[in-house]
PDB file of N, CA and C in Angstrom:
ATOM      1  N   UNK A   1     159.876  29.580  56.664  1.00  0.00           N
ATOM      2  CA  UNK A   1     159.821  30.603  55.638  1.00  0.00           C
ATOM      3  C   UNK A   1     161.237  31.034  55.280  1.00  0.00           C
ATOM      4  N   UNK A   2     161.452  31.362  54.051  1.00  0.00           N
ATOM      5  CA  UNK A   2     162.746  31.857  53.605  1.00  0.00           C
ATOM      6  C   UNK A   2     162.953  33.240  54.188  1.00  0.00           C
ATOM      7  N   UNK A   3     164.099  33.470  54.825  1.00  0.00           N
ATOM      8  CA  UNK A   3     164.385  34.761  55.424  1.00  0.00           C
ATOM      9  C   UNK A   3     164.686  35.820  54.374  1.00  0.00           C
ATOM     10  N   UNK A   4     165.383  35.463  53.359  1.00  0.00           N
ATOM     11  CA  UNK A   4     165.592  36.369  52.250  1.00  0.00           C
ATOM     12  C   UNK A   4     166.074  35.601  51.043  1.00  0.00           C
ATOM     13  N   UNK A   5     166.066  36.245  49.904  1.00  0.00           N
ATOM     14  CA  UNK A   5     166.508  35.622  48.667  1.00  0.00           C
ATOM     15  C   UNK A   5     167.674  36.439  48.143  1.00  0.00           C
ATOM     16  N   UNK A   6     168.761  35.785  47.848  1.00  0.00           N
ATOM     17  CA  UNK A   6     169.959  36.470  47.356  1.00  0.00           C
ATOM     18  C   UNK A   6     170.011  36.343  45.842  1.00  0.00           C
ATOM     19  N   UNK A   7     170.142  37.453  45.183  1.00  0.00           N
ATOM     20  CA  UNK A   7     170.254  37.447  43.735  1.00  0.00           C
ATOM     21  C   UNK A   7     171.710  37.229  43.352  1.00  0.00           C
ATOM     22  N   UNK A   8     171.948  36.283  42.474  1.00  0.00           N
ATOM     23  CA  UNK A   8     173.304  35.997  42.033  1.00  0.00           C
ATOM     24  C   UNK A   8     173.635  36.837  40.811  1.00  0.00           C
ATOM     25  N   UNK A   9     174.849  37.300  40.739  1.00  0.00           N
ATOM     26  CA  UNK A   9     175.294  38.049  39.575  1.00  0.00           C
ATOM     27  C   UNK A   9     174.766  39.466  39.522  1.00  0.00           C
ATOM     28  N   UNK A  10     174.499  40.095  40.654  1.00  0.00           N
ATOM     29  CA  UNK A  10     174.000  41.463  40.674  1.00  0.00           C
ATOM     30  C   UNK A  10     175.034  42.414  40.087  1.00  0.00           C
ATOM     31  N   UNK A  11     174.570  43.358  39.311  1.00  0.00           N
ATOM     32  CA  UNK A  11     175.441  44.344  38.678  1.00  0.00           C
ATOM     33  C   UNK A  11     175.544  45.577  39.564  1.00  0.00           C
ATOM     34  N   UNK A  12     176.703  46.212  39.581  1.00  0.00           N
ATOM     35  CA  UNK A  12     176.926  47.393  40.398  1.00  0.00           C
ATOM     36  C   UNK A  12     176.219  48.599  39.804  1.00  0.00           C
ATOM     37  N   UNK A  13     175.282  49.163  40.580  1.00  0.00           N
ATOM     38  CA  UNK A  13     174.576  50.393  40.229  1.00  0.00           C
ATOM     39  C   UNK A  13     174.144  50.471  38.767  1.00  0.00           C
ATOM     40  N   UNK A  14     173.500  49.453  38.282  1.00  0.00           N
ATOM     41  CA  UNK A  14     173.079  49.471  36.883  1.00  0.00           C
ATOM     42  C   UNK A  14     171.725  50.133  36.702  1.00  0.00           C
ATOM     43  N   UNK A  15     170.898  50.124  37.740  1.00  0.00           N
ATOM     44  CA  UNK A  15     169.567  50.678  37.612  1.00  0.00           C
ATOM     45  C   UNK A  15     168.610  49.719  36.930  1.00  0.00           C
ATOM     46  N   UNK A  16     169.085  48.554  36.544  1.00  0.00           N
ATOM     47  CA  UNK A  16     168.215  47.567  35.910  1.00  0.00           C
ATOM     48  C   UNK A  16     167.622  46.648  36.971  1.00  0.00           C
ATOM     49  N   UNK A  17     166.476  46.112  36.664  1.00  0.00           N
ATOM     50  CA  UNK A  17     165.898  45.097  37.536  1.00  0.00           C
ATOM     51  C   UNK A  17     166.708  43.825  37.411  1.00  0.00           C
ATOM     52  N   UNK A  18     166.959  43.192  38.524  1.00  0.00           N
ATOM     53  CA  UNK A  18     167.741  41.969  38.509  1.00  0.00           C
ATOM     54  C   UNK A  18     166.836  40.805  38.881  1.00  0.00           C
ATOM     55  N   UNK A  19     166.483  40.024  37.916  1.00  0.00           N
ATOM     56  CA  UNK A  19     165.619  38.877  38.151  1.00  0.00           C
ATOM     57  C   UNK A  19     166.403  37.622  37.782  1.00  0.00           C
ATOM     58  N   UNK A  20     167.564  37.498  38.355  1.00  0.00           N
ATOM     59  CA  UNK A  20     168.458  36.399  38.015  1.00  0.00           C
ATOM     60  C   UNK A  20     168.225  35.203  38.930  1.00  0.00           C
ATOM     61  N   UNK A  21     169.063  34.197  38.769  1.00  0.00           N
ATOM     62  CA  UNK A  21     168.975  32.999  39.592  1.00  0.00           C
ATOM     63  C   UNK A  21     169.037  33.372  41.060  1.00  0.00           C
ATOM     64  N   UNK A  22     168.223  32.732  41.868  1.00  0.00           N
ATOM     65  CA  UNK A  22     168.192  33.050  43.292  1.00  0.00           C
ATOM     66  C   UNK A  22     168.452  31.820  44.135  1.00  0.00           C
ATOM     67  N   UNK A  23     168.937  32.079  45.345  1.00  0.00           N
ATOM     68  CA  UNK A  23     169.121  31.009  46.311  1.00  0.00           C
ATOM     69  C   UNK A  23     168.573  31.478  47.643  1.00  0.00           C
ATOM     70  N   UNK A  24     168.016  30.573  48.393  1.00  0.00           N
ATOM     71  CA  UNK A  24     167.513  30.916  49.717  1.00  0.00           C
ATOM     72  C   UNK A  24     168.682  30.997  50.681  1.00  0.00           C
ATOM     73  N   UNK A  25     168.555  31.840  51.678  1.00  0.00           N
ATOM     74  CA  UNK A  25     169.604  31.990  52.673  1.00  0.00           C
ATOM     75  C   UNK A  25     168.976  32.117  54.053  1.00  0.00           C
ATOM     76  N   UNK A  26     169.754  31.909  55.078  1.00  0.00           N
ATOM     77  CA  UNK A  26     169.250  31.960  56.445  1.00  0.00           C
ATOM     78  C   UNK A  26     169.446  33.347  57.037  1.00  0.00           C
ATOM     79  N   UNK A  27     168.831  33.590  58.185  1.00  0.00           N
ATOM     80  CA  UNK A  27     168.981  34.866  58.876  1.00  0.00           C
ATOM     81  C   UNK A  27     170.431  35.128  59.243  1.00  0.00           C
ATOM     82  N   UNK A  28     171.150  34.085  59.674  1.00  0.00           N
ATOM     83  CA  UNK A  28     172.554  34.255  60.029  1.00  0.00           C
ATOM     84  C   UNK A  28     173.368  34.733  58.838  1.00  0.00           C
ATOM     85  N   UNK A  29     173.106  34.183  57.670  1.00  0.00           N
ATOM     86  CA  UNK A  29     173.824  34.608  56.468  1.00  0.00           C
ATOM     87  C   UNK A  29     173.483  36.055  56.132  1.00  0.00           C
ATOM     88  N   UNK A  30     172.239  36.448  56.337  1.00  0.00           N
ATOM     89  CA  UNK A  30     171.831  37.828  56.067  1.00  0.00           C
ATOM     90  C   UNK A  30     172.589  38.777  56.984  1.00  0.00           C
ATOM     91  N   UNK A  31     172.680  38.435  58.246  1.00  0.00           N
ATOM     92  CA  UNK A  31     173.380  39.290  59.199  1.00  0.00           C
ATOM     93  C   UNK A  31     174.861  39.395  58.879  1.00  0.00           C
ATOM     94  N   UNK A  32     175.463  38.334  58.404  1.00  0.00           N
ATOM     95  CA  UNK A  32     176.887  38.318  58.085  1.00  0.00           C
ATOM     96  C   UNK A  32     177.195  38.978  56.746  1.00  0.00           C
ATOM     97  N   UNK A  33     176.212  39.119  55.893  1.00  0.00           N
ATOM     98  CA  UNK A  33     176.442  39.602  54.534  1.00  0.00           C
ATOM     99  C   UNK A  33     176.817  41.077  54.474  1.00  0.00           C
ATOM    100  N   UNK A  34     176.365  41.846  55.455  1.00  0.00           N
ATOM    101  CA  UNK A  34     176.588  43.278  55.415  1.00  0.00           C
ATOM    102  C   UNK A  34     175.596  44.004  54.518  1.00  0.00           C
ATOM    103  N   UNK A  35     174.625  43.291  53.998  1.00  0.00           N
ATOM    104  CA  UNK A  35     173.618  43.883  53.119  1.00  0.00           C
ATOM    105  C   UNK A  35     172.344  44.187  53.900  1.00  0.00           C
ATOM    106  N   UNK A  36     171.630  45.212  53.445  1.00  0.00           N
ATOM    107  CA  UNK A  36     170.317  45.494  53.996  1.00  0.00           C
ATOM    108  C   UNK A  36     169.272  44.701  53.234  1.00  0.00           C
ATOM    109  N   UNK A  37     168.281  44.228  53.935  1.00  0.00           N
ATOM    110  CA  UNK A  37     167.238  43.408  53.313  1.00  0.00           C
ATOM    111  C   UNK A  37     165.889  44.082  53.486  1.00  0.00           C
ATOM    112  N   UNK A  38     165.158  44.233  52.396  1.00  0.00           N
ATOM    113  CA  UNK A  38     163.803  44.777  52.420  1.00  0.00           C
ATOM    114  C   UNK A  38     162.830  43.695  51.961  1.00  0.00           C
ATOM    115  N   UNK A  39     161.667  43.660  52.607  1.00  0.00           N
ATOM    116  CA  UNK A  39     160.616  42.698  52.250  1.00  0.00           C
ATOM    117  C   UNK A  39     159.347  43.455  51.880  1.00  0.00           C
ATOM    118  N   UNK A  40     158.715  43.032  50.781  1.00  0.00           N
ATOM    119  CA  UNK A  40     157.454  43.626  50.337  1.00  0.00           C
ATOM    120  C   UNK A  40     156.464  42.512  50.067  1.00  0.00           C
ATOM    121  N   UNK A  41     155.240  42.712  50.531  1.00  0.00           N
ATOM    122  CA  UNK A  41     154.157  41.773  50.222  1.00  0.00           C
ATOM    123  C   UNK A  41     152.983  42.572  49.685  1.00  0.00           C
ATOM    124  N   UNK A  42     152.527  42.219  48.492  1.00  0.00           N
ATOM    125  CA  UNK A  42     151.353  42.856  47.911  1.00  0.00           C
ATOM    126  C   UNK A  42     150.115  42.158  48.460  1.00  0.00           C
ATOM    127  N   UNK A  43     149.239  42.924  49.071  1.00  0.00           N
ATOM    128  CA  UNK A  43     148.029  42.350  49.658  1.00  0.00           C
ATOM    129  C   UNK A  43     146.770  42.677  48.859  1.00  0.00           C
ATOM    130  N   UNK A  44     146.952  43.283  47.671  1.00  0.00           N
ATOM    131  CA  UNK A  44     145.830  43.636  46.804  1.00  0.00           C
ATOM    132  C   UNK A  44     145.508  42.443  45.912  1.00  0.00           C
ATOM    133  N   UNK A  45     144.368  41.815  46.151  1.00  0.00           N
ATOM    134  CA  UNK A  45     143.968  40.618  45.392  1.00  0.00           C
ATOM    135  C   UNK A  45     143.774  40.910  43.903  1.00  0.00           C
ATOM    136  N   UNK A  46     143.592  42.163  43.539  1.00  0.00           N
ATOM    137  CA  UNK A  46     143.393  42.520  42.131  1.00  0.00           C
ATOM    138  C   UNK A  46     144.696  42.589  41.348  1.00  0.00           C
ATOM    139  N   UNK A  47     145.806  42.628  42.026  1.00  0.00           N
ATOM    140  CA  UNK A  47     147.108  42.682  41.355  1.00  0.00           C
ATOM    141  C   UNK A  47     147.565  41.253  41.084  1.00  0.00           C
ATOM    142  N   UNK A  48     147.793  40.944  39.824  1.00  0.00           N
ATOM    143  CA  UNK A  48     148.157  39.588  39.426  1.00  0.00           C
ATOM    144  C   UNK A  48     149.658  39.328  39.455  1.00  0.00           C
ATOM    145  N   UNK A  49     150.462  40.382  39.370  1.00  0.00           N
ATOM    146  CA  UNK A  49     151.913  40.216  39.340  1.00  0.00           C
ATOM    147  C   UNK A  49     152.581  41.391  40.043  1.00  0.00           C
ATOM    148  N   UNK A  50     153.443  41.095  41.003  1.00  0.00           N
ATOM    149  CA  UNK A  50     154.203  42.156  41.666  1.00  0.00           C
ATOM    150  C   UNK A  50     155.447  42.472  40.848  1.00  0.00           C
ATOM    151  N   UNK A  51     155.951  43.686  41.023  1.00  0.00           N
ATOM    152  CA  UNK A  51     157.170  44.095  40.339  1.00  0.00           C
ATOM    153  C   UNK A  51     158.127  44.736  41.341  1.00  0.00           C
ATOM    154  N   UNK A  52     159.377  44.807  40.956  1.00  0.00           N
ATOM    155  CA  UNK A  52     160.353  45.481  41.810  1.00  0.00           C
ATOM    156  C   UNK A  52     160.014  46.964  41.912  1.00  0.00           C
ATOM    157  N   UNK A  53     159.461  47.553  40.845  1.00  0.00           N
ATOM    158  CA  UNK A  53     159.073  48.964  40.897  1.00  0.00           C
ATOM    159  C   UNK A  53     158.031  49.214  41.978  1.00  0.00           C
ATOM    160  N   UNK A  54     157.067  48.315  42.101  1.00  0.00           N
ATOM    161  CA  UNK A  54     156.038  48.445  43.138  1.00  0.00           C
ATOM    162  C   UNK A  54     156.670  48.403  44.527  1.00  0.00           C
ATOM    163  N   UNK A  55     157.585  47.470  44.718  1.00  0.00           N
ATOM    164  CA  UNK A  55     158.228  47.315  46.019  1.00  0.00           C
ATOM    165  C   UNK A  55     159.078  48.529  46.372  1.00  0.00           C
ATOM    166  N   UNK A  56     159.898  48.982  45.431  1.00  0.00           N
ATOM    167  CA  UNK A  56     160.771  50.131  45.699  1.00  0.00           C
ATOM    168  C   UNK A  56     159.941  51.379  45.983  1.00  0.00           C
ATOM    169  N   UNK A  57     158.848  51.569  45.264  1.00  0.00           N
ATOM    170  CA  UNK A  57     157.969  52.712  45.521  1.00  0.00           C
ATOM    171  C   UNK A  57     157.400  52.647  46.938  1.00  0.00           C
ATOM    172  N   UNK A  58     157.017  51.462  47.370  1.00  0.00           N
ATOM    173  CA  UNK A  58     156.494  51.280  48.733  1.00  0.00           C
ATOM    174  C   UNK A  58     157.571  51.575  49.769  1.00  0.00           C
ATOM    175  N   UNK A  59     158.770  51.044  49.567  1.00  0.00           N
ATOM    176  CA  UNK A  59     159.861  51.284  50.520  1.00  0.00           C
ATOM    177  C   UNK A  59     160.215  52.760  50.572  1.00  0.00           C
ATOM    178  N   UNK A  60     160.230  53.423  49.423  1.00  0.00           N
ATOM    179  CA  UNK A  60     160.542  54.849  49.391  1.00  0.00           C
ATOM    180  C   UNK A  60     159.471  55.657  50.115  1.00  0.00           C
ATOM    181  N   UNK A  61     158.229  55.238  50.014  1.00  0.00           N
ATOM    182  CA  UNK A  61     157.124  55.976  50.646  1.00  0.00           C
ATOM    183  C   UNK A  61     157.227  55.949  52.176  1.00  0.00           C
ATOM    184  N   UNK A  62     158.086  55.132  52.714  1.00  0.00           N
ATOM    185  CA  UNK A  62     158.248  55.030  54.172  1.00  0.00           C
ATOM    186  C   UNK A  62     159.211  56.079  54.724  1.00  0.00           C
ATOM    187  N   UNK A  63     159.570  57.064  53.909  1.00  0.00           N
ATOM    188  CA  UNK A  63     160.482  58.121  54.352  1.00  0.00           C
ATOM    189  C   UNK A  63     159.910  58.900  55.530  1.00  0.00           C
ATOM    190  N   UNK A  64     158.607  58.863  55.705  1.00  0.00           N
ATOM    191  CA  UNK A  64     157.971  59.548  56.835  1.00  0.00           C
ATOM    192  C   UNK A  64     158.434  59.006  58.186  1.00  0.00           C
ATOM    193  N   UNK A  65     159.025  57.821  58.189  1.00  0.00           N
ATOM    194  CA  UNK A  65     159.471  57.202  59.444  1.00  0.00           C
ATOM    195  C   UNK A  65     160.931  57.495  59.768  1.00  0.00           C
ATOM    196  N   UNK A  66     161.556  58.377  58.969  1.00  0.00           N
ATOM    197  CA  UNK A  66     162.945  58.757  59.218  1.00  0.00           C
ATOM    198  C   UNK A  66     163.074  60.274  59.161  1.00  0.00           C
ATOM    199  N   UNK A  67     163.653  60.844  60.217  1.00  0.00           N
ATOM    200  CA  UNK A  67     163.880  62.281  60.279  1.00  0.00           C
ATOM    201  C   UNK A  67     165.335  62.537  59.901  1.00  0.00           C
ATOM    202  N   UNK A  68     165.550  63.029  58.692  1.00  0.00           N
ATOM    203  CA  UNK A  68     166.913  63.252  58.199  1.00  0.00           C
ATOM    204  C   UNK A  68     167.632  64.331  58.997  1.00  0.00           C
ATOM    205  N   UNK A  69     166.907  65.335  59.463  1.00  0.00           N
ATOM    206  CA  UNK A  69     167.530  66.434  60.199  1.00  0.00           C
ATOM    207  C   UNK A  69     168.154  65.951  61.510  1.00  0.00           C
ATOM    208  N   UNK A  70     167.463  65.026  62.172  1.00  0.00           N
ATOM    209  CA  UNK A  70     167.969  64.515  63.453  1.00  0.00           C
ATOM    210  C   UNK A  70     168.566  63.116  63.330  1.00  0.00           C
ATOM    211  N   UNK A  71     168.444  62.529  62.140  1.00  0.00           N
ATOM    212  CA  UNK A  71     168.908  61.165  61.862  1.00  0.00           C
ATOM    213  C   UNK A  71     168.323  60.155  62.850  1.00  0.00           C
ATOM    214  N   UNK A  72     167.017  60.299  63.104  1.00  0.00           N
ATOM    215  CA  UNK A  72     166.319  59.386  64.012  1.00  0.00           C
ATOM    216  C   UNK A  72     165.175  58.689  63.291  1.00  0.00           C
ATOM    217  N   UNK A  73     164.848  57.508  63.804  1.00  0.00           N
ATOM    218  CA  UNK A  73     163.748  56.701  63.266  1.00  0.00           C
ATOM    219  C   UNK A  73     162.551  56.816  64.206  1.00  0.00           C
ATOM    220  N   UNK A  74     161.360  56.752  63.641  1.00  0.00           N
ATOM    221  CA  UNK A  74     160.141  56.786  64.435  1.00  0.00           C
ATOM    222  C   UNK A  74     160.064  55.521  65.287  1.00  0.00           C
ATOM    223  N   UNK A  75     159.819  55.690  66.570  1.00  0.00           N
ATOM    224  CA  UNK A  75     159.696  54.552  67.484  1.00  0.00           C
ATOM    225  C   UNK A  75     158.585  53.626  67.009  1.00  0.00           C
ATOM    226  N   UNK A  76     158.873  52.342  66.959  1.00  0.00           N
ATOM    227  CA  UNK A  76     157.917  51.352  66.507  1.00  0.00           C
ATOM    228  C   UNK A  76     157.885  51.177  64.995  1.00  0.00           C
ATOM    229  N   UNK A  77     158.602  52.024  64.266  1.00  0.00           N
ATOM    230  CA  UNK A  77     158.643  51.956  62.798  1.00  0.00           C
ATOM    231  C   UNK A  77     160.088  51.883  62.294  1.00  0.00           C
ATOM    232  N   UNK A  78     160.961  51.317  63.103  1.00  0.00           N
ATOM    233  CA  UNK A  78     162.372  51.226  62.745  1.00  0.00           C
ATOM    234  C   UNK A  78     162.594  50.395  61.481  1.00  0.00           C
ATOM    235  N   UNK A  79     161.869  49.300  61.325  1.00  0.00           N
ATOM    236  CA  UNK A  79     162.010  48.444  60.140  1.00  0.00           C
ATOM    237  C   UNK A  79     161.643  49.225  58.880  1.00  0.00           C
ATOM    238  N   UNK A  80     160.549  49.975  58.948  1.00  0.00           N
ATOM    239  CA  UNK A  80     160.119  50.774  57.814  1.00  0.00           C
ATOM    240  C   UNK A  80     161.156  51.852  57.484  1.00  0.00           C
ATOM    241  N   UNK A  81     161.695  52.498  58.513  1.00  0.00           N
ATOM    242  CA  UNK A  81     162.739  53.508  58.299  1.00  0.00           C
ATOM    243  C   UNK A  81     163.977  52.873  57.669  1.00  0.00           C
ATOM    244  N   UNK A  82     164.342  51.688  58.125  1.00  0.00           N
ATOM    245  CA  UNK A  82     165.499  50.992  57.557  1.00  0.00           C
ATOM    246  C   UNK A  82     165.270  50.650  56.086  1.00  0.00           C
ATOM    247  N   UNK A  83     164.060  50.232  55.734  1.00  0.00           N
ATOM    248  CA  UNK A  83     163.763  49.924  54.334  1.00  0.00           C
ATOM    249  C   UNK A  83     163.895  51.172  53.469  1.00  0.00           C
ATOM    250  N   UNK A  84     163.405  52.294  53.958  1.00  0.00           N
ATOM    251  CA  UNK A  84     163.573  53.555  53.236  1.00  0.00           C
ATOM    252  C   UNK A  84     165.063  53.893  53.090  1.00  0.00           C
ATOM    253  N   UNK A  85     165.806  53.791  54.183  1.00  0.00           N
ATOM    254  CA  UNK A  85     167.230  54.127  54.146  1.00  0.00           C
ATOM    255  C   UNK A  85     168.000  53.242  53.173  1.00  0.00           C
ATOM    256  N   UNK A  86     167.663  51.963  53.109  1.00  0.00           N
ATOM    257  CA  UNK A  86     168.332  51.075  52.157  1.00  0.00           C
ATOM    258  C   UNK A  86     168.140  51.564  50.722  1.00  0.00           C
ATOM    259  N   UNK A  87     166.952  52.079  50.408  1.00  0.00           N
ATOM    260  CA  UNK A  87     166.648  52.540  49.050  1.00  0.00           C
ATOM    261  C   UNK A  87     167.438  53.796  48.694  1.00  0.00           C
ATOM    262  N   UNK A  88     167.608  54.710  49.629  1.00  0.00           N
ATOM    263  CA  UNK A  88     168.213  56.009  49.312  1.00  0.00           C
ATOM    264  C   UNK A  88     169.687  56.126  49.687  1.00  0.00           C
ATOM    265  N   UNK A  89     170.262  55.121  50.289  1.00  0.00           N
ATOM    266  CA  UNK A  89     171.645  55.184  50.787  1.00  0.00           C
ATOM    267  C   UNK A  89     172.618  55.450  49.641  1.00  0.00           C
ATOM    268  N   UNK A  90     173.378  56.533  49.745  1.00  0.00           N
ATOM    269  CA  UNK A  90     174.259  56.962  48.657  1.00  0.00           C
ATOM    270  C   UNK A  90     175.448  56.034  48.447  1.00  0.00           C
ATOM    271  N   UNK A  91     175.811  55.242  49.426  1.00  0.00           N
ATOM    272  CA  UNK A  91     176.972  54.359  49.302  1.00  0.00           C
ATOM    273  C   UNK A  91     176.631  52.935  48.865  1.00  0.00           C
ATOM    274  N   UNK A  92     175.379  52.721  48.441  1.00  0.00           N
ATOM    275  CA  UNK A  92     174.999  51.400  47.946  1.00  0.00           C
ATOM    276  C   UNK A  92     175.853  51.059  46.732  1.00  0.00           C
ATOM    277  N   UNK A  93     176.445  49.877  46.763  1.00  0.00           N
ATOM    278  CA  UNK A  93     177.302  49.427  45.664  1.00  0.00           C
ATOM    279  C   UNK A  93     176.619  48.412  44.763  1.00  0.00           C
ATOM    280  N   UNK A  94     175.693  47.639  45.318  1.00  0.00           N
ATOM    281  CA  UNK A  94     174.996  46.651  44.504  1.00  0.00           C
ATOM    282  C   UNK A  94     173.621  46.370  45.094  1.00  0.00           C
ATOM    283  N   UNK A  95     172.738  45.929  44.220  1.00  0.00           N
ATOM    284  CA  UNK A  95     171.389  45.562  44.637  1.00  0.00           C
ATOM    285  C   UNK A  95     171.017  44.239  43.986  1.00  0.00           C
ATOM    286  N   UNK A  96     170.068  43.566  44.578  1.00  0.00           N
ATOM    287  CA  UNK A  96     169.533  42.342  44.002  1.00  0.00           C
ATOM    288  C   UNK A  96     168.103  42.180  44.465  1.00  0.00           C
ATOM    289  N   UNK A  97     167.276  41.552  43.631  1.00  0.00           N
ATOM    290  CA  UNK A  97     165.866  41.388  43.953  1.00  0.00           C
ATOM    291  C   UNK A  97     165.419  39.963  43.649  1.00  0.00           C
ATOM    292  N   UNK A  98     164.576  39.442  44.522  1.00  0.00           N
ATOM    293  CA  UNK A  98     163.904  38.177  44.277  1.00  0.00           C
ATOM    294  C   UNK A  98     162.416  38.459  44.207  1.00  0.00           C
ATOM    295  N   UNK A  99     161.747  37.920  43.193  1.00  0.00           N
ATOM    296  CA  UNK A  99     160.315  38.166  43.003  1.00  0.00           C
ATOM    297  C   UNK A  99     159.591  36.836  42.916  1.00  0.00           C
ATOM    298  N   UNK A 100     158.640  36.649  43.798  1.00  0.00           N
ATOM    299  CA  UNK A 100     157.751  35.485  43.768  1.00  0.00           C
ATOM    300  C   UNK A 100     156.413  35.968  44.287  1.00  0.00           C
ATOM    301  N   UNK A 101     155.470  36.160  43.368  1.00  0.00           N
ATOM    302  CA  UNK A 101     154.173  36.742  43.728  1.00  0.00           C
ATOM    303  C   UNK A 101     153.616  36.072  44.976  1.00  0.00           C
ATOM    304  N   UNK A 102     153.212  36.809  45.978  1.00  0.00           N
ATOM    305  CA  UNK A 102     153.036  38.253  46.082  1.00  0.00           C
ATOM    306  C   UNK A 102     154.208  38.977  46.764  1.00  0.00           C
ATOM    307  N   UNK A 103     155.404  38.394  46.758  1.00  0.00           N
ATOM    308  CA  UNK A 103     156.531  38.948  47.504  1.00  0.00           C
ATOM    309  C   UNK A 103     157.638  39.485  46.599  1.00  0.00           C
ATOM    310  N   UNK A 104     158.322  40.527  47.108  1.00  0.00           N
ATOM    311  CA  UNK A 104     159.559  41.016  46.527  1.00  0.00           C
ATOM    312  C   UNK A 104     160.537  41.176  47.686  1.00  0.00           C
ATOM    313  N   UNK A 105     161.723  40.644  47.518  1.00  0.00           N
ATOM    314  CA  UNK A 105     162.778  40.813  48.502  1.00  0.00           C
ATOM    315  C   UNK A 105     163.898  41.611  47.826  1.00  0.00           C
ATOM    316  N   UNK A 106     164.349  42.644  48.498  1.00  0.00           N
ATOM    317  CA  UNK A 106     165.428  43.464  47.964  1.00  0.00           C
ATOM    318  C   UNK A 106     166.651  43.412  48.854  1.00  0.00           C
ATOM    319  N   UNK A 107     167.792  43.341  48.225  1.00  0.00           N
ATOM    320  CA  UNK A 107     169.082  43.390  48.927  1.00  0.00           C
ATOM    321  C   UNK A 107     169.779  44.664  48.517  1.00  0.00           C
ATOM    322  N   UNK A 108     170.290  45.385  49.465  1.00  0.00           N
ATOM    323  CA  UNK A 108     171.049  46.615  49.221  1.00  0.00           C
ATOM    324  C   UNK A 108     172.386  46.476  49.953  1.00  0.00           C
ATOM    325  N   UNK A 109     173.471  46.473  49.167  1.00  0.00           N
ATOM    326  CA  UNK A 109     174.783  46.227  49.743  1.00  0.00           C
ATOM    327  C   UNK A 109     175.725  47.403  49.496  1.00  0.00           C
ATOM    328  N   UNK A 110     176.404  47.870  50.524  1.00  0.00           N
ATOM    329  CA  UNK A 110     176.211  47.503  51.933  1.00  0.00           C
ATOM    330  C   UNK A 110     174.932  48.134  52.492  1.00  0.00           C
ATOM    331  N   UNK A 111     174.502  47.642  53.638  1.00  0.00           N
ATOM    332  CA  UNK A 111     173.282  48.190  54.232  1.00  0.00           C
ATOM    333  C   UNK A 111     173.518  49.610  54.714  1.00  0.00           C
ATOM    334  N   UNK A 112     172.438  50.361  54.739  1.00  0.00           N
ATOM    335  CA  UNK A 112     172.505  51.761  55.169  1.00  0.00           C
ATOM    336  C   UNK A 112     172.792  51.840  56.660  1.00  0.00           C
TER     337      UNK A 112
END
């Protein structure tokens, strides 16, 4: 399975969806990139096409797994907390998304 999809030509903080050319990358490359990676899978058979908006809304909804006051993550839900943090991190400089139904992969650089 592809570990993540890197979007080429991502624009800095544009707020636009980036559905540009993609390349597959390995886990080692993801770790070296300094970017945070989020994965979304739509499991609703009635949905014919996933969107980046759907994925970002799902990642944002995971804020319940992060306590901002204590800066701690819920035990057993660290991945979910990390996905939320990647979405809201104020120092994010660039983002990129790969979409292939039923999956959306998001890159947030640098990672939170």
